[in-house]
Amino acid sequence: MTAVMSKLLLNPETLAVNQDPATPVGRIVEFYPCPALPLSCQLWARNLSDGTAVAALVNADTKEQTLELDFGLLGPRFAGRTLHVRDLIERLDRGTASSKVTATLPPHATAYFRLSTEPVPPLDVERVPLTPAARRLLGRG
């Protein structure tokens, strides 16, 4: 497994989003106008069961793009608010943003944020022992 794969697939915060019981699941909220390849930039969002939201800003274009997600796309209770921003891939708090979050992304990159009206602790999932097959796959025995 590569370092990039491990960073995403073994990240407890991204796993917690995946395992969150809230429905509906993530959805495209907007195709962002990227000039090189129309419809190649997408904004995805999902509301979680704890009242927070997650957003993925996806640049599938062949050039660097700056993408912007208006908080109103997350639902009326987020519109126009100042939200706390957590980078789920890097596992870092990014402070607050007013009304929108912006990310400048290289080609074929994604920014993945958790957005909340109040500071919240990082997400986590219940730890279970690895199966023997999983240990072999991860190179741990």
C-alpha atoms as a PDB file:
ATOM      1  CA  MET A   1       0.000   0.000   0.000  1.00  0.00           C
ATOM      2  CA  THR A   2       1.436   3.380  -0.976  1.00  0.00           C
ATOM      3  CA  ALA A   3       1.834   6.264   1.480  1.00  0.00           C
ATOM      4  CA  VAL A   4      -1.017   8.174  -0.217  1.00  0.00           C
ATOM      5  CA  MET A   5      -3.308   5.141   0.003  1.00  0.00           C
ATOM      6  CA  SER A   6      -2.463   4.660   3.691  1.00  0.00           C
ATOM      7  CA  LYS A   7      -3.032   8.357   4.419  1.00  0.00           C
ATOM      8  CA  LEU A   8      -6.590   8.121   3.101  1.00  0.00           C
ATOM      9  CA  LEU A   9      -7.660   4.542   3.752  1.00  0.00           C
ATOM     10  CA  LEU A  10      -6.308   4.336   7.306  1.00  0.00           C
ATOM     11  CA  ASN A  11      -7.301   7.863   8.330  1.00  0.00           C
ATOM     12  CA  PRO A  12      -9.705   7.586  11.294  1.00  0.00           C
ATOM     13  CA  GLU A  13     -11.441  10.856  10.364  1.00  0.00           C
ATOM     14  CA  THR A  14     -12.251   9.843   6.793  1.00  0.00           C
ATOM     15  CA  LEU A  15     -13.294   6.400   8.039  1.00  0.00           C
ATOM     16  CA  ALA A  16     -15.645   8.017  10.561  1.00  0.00           C
ATOM     17  CA  VAL A  17     -17.314  10.024   7.781  1.00  0.00           C
ATOM     18  CA  ASN A  18     -17.733   6.823   5.786  1.00  0.00           C
ATOM     19  CA  GLN A  19     -19.243   5.019   8.781  1.00  0.00           C
ATOM     20  CA  ASP A  20     -21.557   7.866   9.873  1.00  0.00           C
ATOM     21  CA  PRO A  21     -25.176   6.630   9.970  1.00  0.00           C
ATOM     22  CA  ALA A  22     -26.606   9.880   8.554  1.00  0.00           C
ATOM     23  CA  THR A  23     -28.494   9.708   5.318  1.00  0.00           C
ATOM     24  CA  PRO A  24     -28.463  10.708   2.559  1.00  0.00           C
ATOM     25  CA  VAL A  25     -24.912   9.990   1.557  1.00  0.00           C
ATOM     26  CA  GLY A  26     -22.652  12.567  -0.079  1.00  0.00           C
ATOM     27  CA  ARG A  27     -23.938  14.248  -3.221  1.00  0.00           C
ATOM     28  CA  ILE A  28     -22.716  16.631  -5.883  1.00  0.00           C
ATOM     29  CA  VAL A  29     -23.975  20.077  -4.895  1.00  0.00           C
ATOM     30  CA  GLU A  30     -22.388  21.956  -7.783  1.00  0.00           C
ATOM     31  CA  PHE A  31     -20.331  21.476 -10.927  1.00  0.00           C
ATOM     32  CA  TYR A  32     -17.734  24.214 -10.636  1.00  0.00           C
ATOM     33  CA  PRO A  33     -16.846  26.040 -13.864  1.00  0.00           C
ATOM     34  CA  CYS A  34     -13.280  24.979 -14.671  1.00  0.00           C
ATOM     35  CA  PRO A  35     -12.218  26.357 -18.050  1.00  0.00           C
ATOM     36  CA  ALA A  36      -9.956  23.603 -19.394  1.00  0.00           C
ATOM     37  CA  LEU A  37     -12.446  20.735 -19.010  1.00  0.00           C
ATOM     38  CA  PRO A  38     -16.072  21.744 -18.371  1.00  0.00           C
ATOM     39  CA  LEU A  39     -17.749  19.779 -15.546  1.00  0.00           C
ATOM     40  CA  SER A  40     -14.350  18.483 -14.371  1.00  0.00           C
ATOM     41  CA  CYS A  41     -14.485  20.371 -11.083  1.00  0.00           C
ATOM     42  CA  GLN A  42     -17.081  19.258  -8.557  1.00  0.00           C
ATOM     43  CA  LEU A  43     -18.262  20.231  -5.096  1.00  0.00           C
ATOM     44  CA  TRP A  44     -19.600  17.356  -2.982  1.00  0.00           C
ATOM     45  CA  ALA A  45     -21.263  17.621   0.434  1.00  0.00           C
ATOM     46  CA  ARG A  46     -22.849  15.538   3.159  1.00  0.00           C
ATOM     47  CA  ASN A  47     -24.469  16.400   6.485  1.00  0.00           C
ATOM     48  CA  LEU A  48     -23.384  14.147   9.348  1.00  0.00           C
ATOM     49  CA  SER A  49     -25.409  12.821  12.261  1.00  0.00           C
ATOM     50  CA  ASP A  50     -23.586  15.080  14.768  1.00  0.00           C
ATOM     51  CA  GLY A  51     -24.828  18.250  13.018  1.00  0.00           C
ATOM     52  CA  THR A  52     -21.581  18.957  11.173  1.00  0.00           C
ATOM     53  CA  ALA A  53     -21.072  18.712   7.418  1.00  0.00           C
ATOM     54  CA  VAL A  54     -18.297  17.487   5.169  1.00  0.00           C
ATOM     55  CA  ALA A  55     -17.361  18.868   1.780  1.00  0.00           C
ATOM     56  CA  ALA A  56     -15.050  17.640  -0.949  1.00  0.00           C
ATOM     57  CA  LEU A  57     -13.742  20.128  -3.488  1.00  0.00           C
ATOM     58  CA  VAL A  58     -12.571  18.076  -6.466  1.00  0.00           C
ATOM     59  CA  ASN A  59     -10.312  19.348  -9.235  1.00  0.00           C
ATOM     60  CA  ALA A  60     -10.317  16.715 -11.989  1.00  0.00           C
ATOM     61  CA  ASP A  61      -9.095  19.366 -14.434  1.00  0.00           C
ATOM     62  CA  THR A  62      -5.678  19.318 -16.103  1.00  0.00           C
ATOM     63  CA  LYS A  63      -4.704  22.702 -14.617  1.00  0.00           C
ATOM     64  CA  GLU A  64      -4.508  24.156 -11.101  1.00  0.00           C
ATOM     65  CA  GLN A  65      -7.896  25.527 -10.027  1.00  0.00           C
ATOM     66  CA  THR A  66      -9.205  27.570  -7.122  1.00  0.00           C
ATOM     67  CA  LEU A  67     -12.545  26.148  -6.001  1.00  0.00           C
ATOM     68  CA  GLU A  68     -15.018  27.815  -3.661  1.00  0.00           C
ATOM     69  CA  LEU A  69     -17.891  26.240  -1.737  1.00  0.00           C
ATOM     70  CA  ASP A  70     -20.638  28.597  -0.579  1.00  0.00           C
ATOM     71  CA  PHE A  71     -21.911  27.381   2.804  1.00  0.00           C
ATOM     72  CA  GLY A  72     -25.488  27.802   1.588  1.00  0.00           C
ATOM     73  CA  LEU A  73     -24.934  24.648  -0.525  1.00  0.00           C
ATOM     74  CA  LEU A  74     -24.690  22.684   2.739  1.00  0.00           C
ATOM     75  CA  GLY A  75     -28.223  23.673   3.742  1.00  0.00           C
ATOM     76  CA  PRO A  76     -30.011  26.709   5.166  1.00  0.00           C
ATOM     77  CA  ARG A  77     -28.603  26.400   8.696  1.00  0.00           C
ATOM     78  CA  PHE A  78     -25.057  26.860   7.342  1.00  0.00           C
ATOM     79  CA  ALA A  79     -25.822  29.695   4.878  1.00  0.00           C
ATOM     80  CA  GLY A  80     -23.973  32.945   5.612  1.00  0.00           C
ATOM     81  CA  ARG A  81     -22.367  31.555   8.786  1.00  0.00           C
ATOM     82  CA  THR A  82     -18.789  31.553   9.990  1.00  0.00           C
ATOM     83  CA  LEU A  83     -17.787  27.896  10.244  1.00  0.00           C
ATOM     84  CA  HIS A  84     -14.883  26.028  11.759  1.00  0.00           C
ATOM     85  CA  VAL A  85     -12.890  24.207   9.065  1.00  0.00           C
ATOM     86  CA  ARG A  86     -11.056  20.914   9.629  1.00  0.00           C
ATOM     87  CA  ASP A  87      -8.898  19.438   6.854  1.00  0.00           C
ATOM     88  CA  LEU A  88      -9.724  15.734   7.016  1.00  0.00           C
ATOM     89  CA  ILE A  89      -6.907  14.581   4.746  1.00  0.00           C
ATOM     90  CA  GLU A  90      -4.164  16.453   6.594  1.00  0.00           C
ATOM     91  CA  ARG A  91      -5.956  16.087   9.965  1.00  0.00           C
ATOM     92  CA  LEU A  92      -5.453  19.778  10.770  1.00  0.00           C
ATOM     93  CA  ASP A  93      -7.722  22.566  11.973  1.00  0.00           C
ATOM     94  CA  ARG A  94      -7.773  25.384   9.414  1.00  0.00           C
ATOM     95  CA  GLY A  95      -9.454  28.026  11.571  1.00  0.00           C
ATOM     96  CA  THR A  96     -12.733  29.614  10.512  1.00  0.00           C
ATOM     97  CA  ALA A  97     -14.202  30.746   7.218  1.00  0.00           C
ATOM     98  CA  SER A  98     -17.071  33.157   6.611  1.00  0.00           C
ATOM     99  CA  SER A  99     -19.828  32.174   4.155  1.00  0.00           C
ATOM    100  CA  LYS A 100     -17.521  30.018   2.009  1.00  0.00           C
ATOM    101  CA  VAL A 101     -14.404  27.857   1.989  1.00  0.00           C
ATOM    102  CA  THR A 102     -11.796  28.122  -0.758  1.00  0.00           C
ATOM    103  CA  ALA A 103      -9.027  25.755  -1.862  1.00  0.00           C
ATOM    104  CA  THR A 104      -6.411  26.116  -4.591  1.00  0.00           C
ATOM    105  CA  LEU A 105      -5.794  22.622  -5.897  1.00  0.00           C
ATOM    106  CA  PRO A 106      -3.253  21.184  -8.323  1.00  0.00           C
ATOM    107  CA  PRO A 107      -4.581  19.060 -11.201  1.00  0.00           C
ATOM    108  CA  HIS A 108      -6.413  15.898 -10.103  1.00  0.00           C
ATOM    109  CA  ALA A 109      -6.487  16.846  -6.408  1.00  0.00           C
ATOM    110  CA  THR A 110      -9.185  16.998  -3.755  1.00  0.00           C
ATOM    111  CA  ALA A 111      -9.658  19.022  -0.583  1.00  0.00           C
ATOM    112  CA  TYR A 112     -11.830  17.319   2.069  1.00  0.00           C
ATOM    113  CA  PHE A 113     -13.199  19.446   4.904  1.00  0.00           C
ATOM    114  CA  ARG A 114     -15.401  19.006   7.954  1.00  0.00           C
ATOM    115  CA  LEU A 115     -17.408  22.152   8.673  1.00  0.00           C
ATOM    116  CA  SER A 116     -19.064  23.008  11.976  1.00  0.00           C
ATOM    117  CA  THR A 117     -20.736  25.953  13.683  1.00  0.00           C
ATOM    118  CA  GLU A 118     -18.809  25.263  16.923  1.00  0.00           C
ATOM    119  CA  PRO A 119     -15.337  23.820  17.556  1.00  0.00           C
ATOM    120  CA  VAL A 120     -15.589  20.026  17.662  1.00  0.00           C
ATOM    121  CA  PRO A 121     -13.049  17.290  18.399  1.00  0.00           C
ATOM    122  CA  PRO A 122     -11.633  15.264  15.507  1.00  0.00           C
ATOM    123  CA  LEU A 123     -13.794  12.388  14.347  1.00  0.00           C
ATOM    124  CA  ASP A 124     -12.728   8.878  15.225  1.00  0.00           C
ATOM    125  CA  VAL A 125     -13.965   5.340  14.772  1.00  0.00           C
ATOM    126  CA  GLU A 126     -14.077   2.488  17.241  1.00  0.00           C
ATOM    127  CA  ARG A 127     -10.845   0.522  17.089  1.00  0.00           C
ATOM    128  CA  VAL A 128     -11.156  -3.190  16.442  1.00  0.00           C
ATOM    129  CA  PRO A 129      -8.274  -5.657  16.238  1.00  0.00           C
ATOM    130  CA  LEU A 130      -6.940  -6.319  12.744  1.00  0.00           C
ATOM    131  CA  THR A 131      -7.720  -9.694  11.247  1.00  0.00           C
ATOM    132  CA  PRO A 132      -4.757 -11.845  10.198  1.00  0.00           C
ATOM    133  CA  ALA A 133      -5.543 -11.095   6.535  1.00  0.00           C
ATOM    134  CA  ALA A 134      -5.572  -7.337   7.215  1.00  0.00           C
ATOM    135  CA  ARG A 135      -2.284  -7.590   9.110  1.00  0.00           C
ATOM    136  CA  ARG A 136      -0.669  -9.328   6.111  1.00  0.00           C
ATOM    137  CA  LEU A 137      -2.099  -6.740   3.683  1.00  0.00           C
ATOM    138  CA  LEU A 138      -0.636  -3.917   5.784  1.00  0.00           C
ATOM    139  CA  GLY A 139       2.701  -5.673   6.150  1.00  0.00           C
ATOM    140  CA  ARG A 140       2.283  -6.087   9.900  1.00  0.00           C
ATOM    141  CA  GLY A 141       2.687  -9.820  10.204  1.00  0.00           C
END
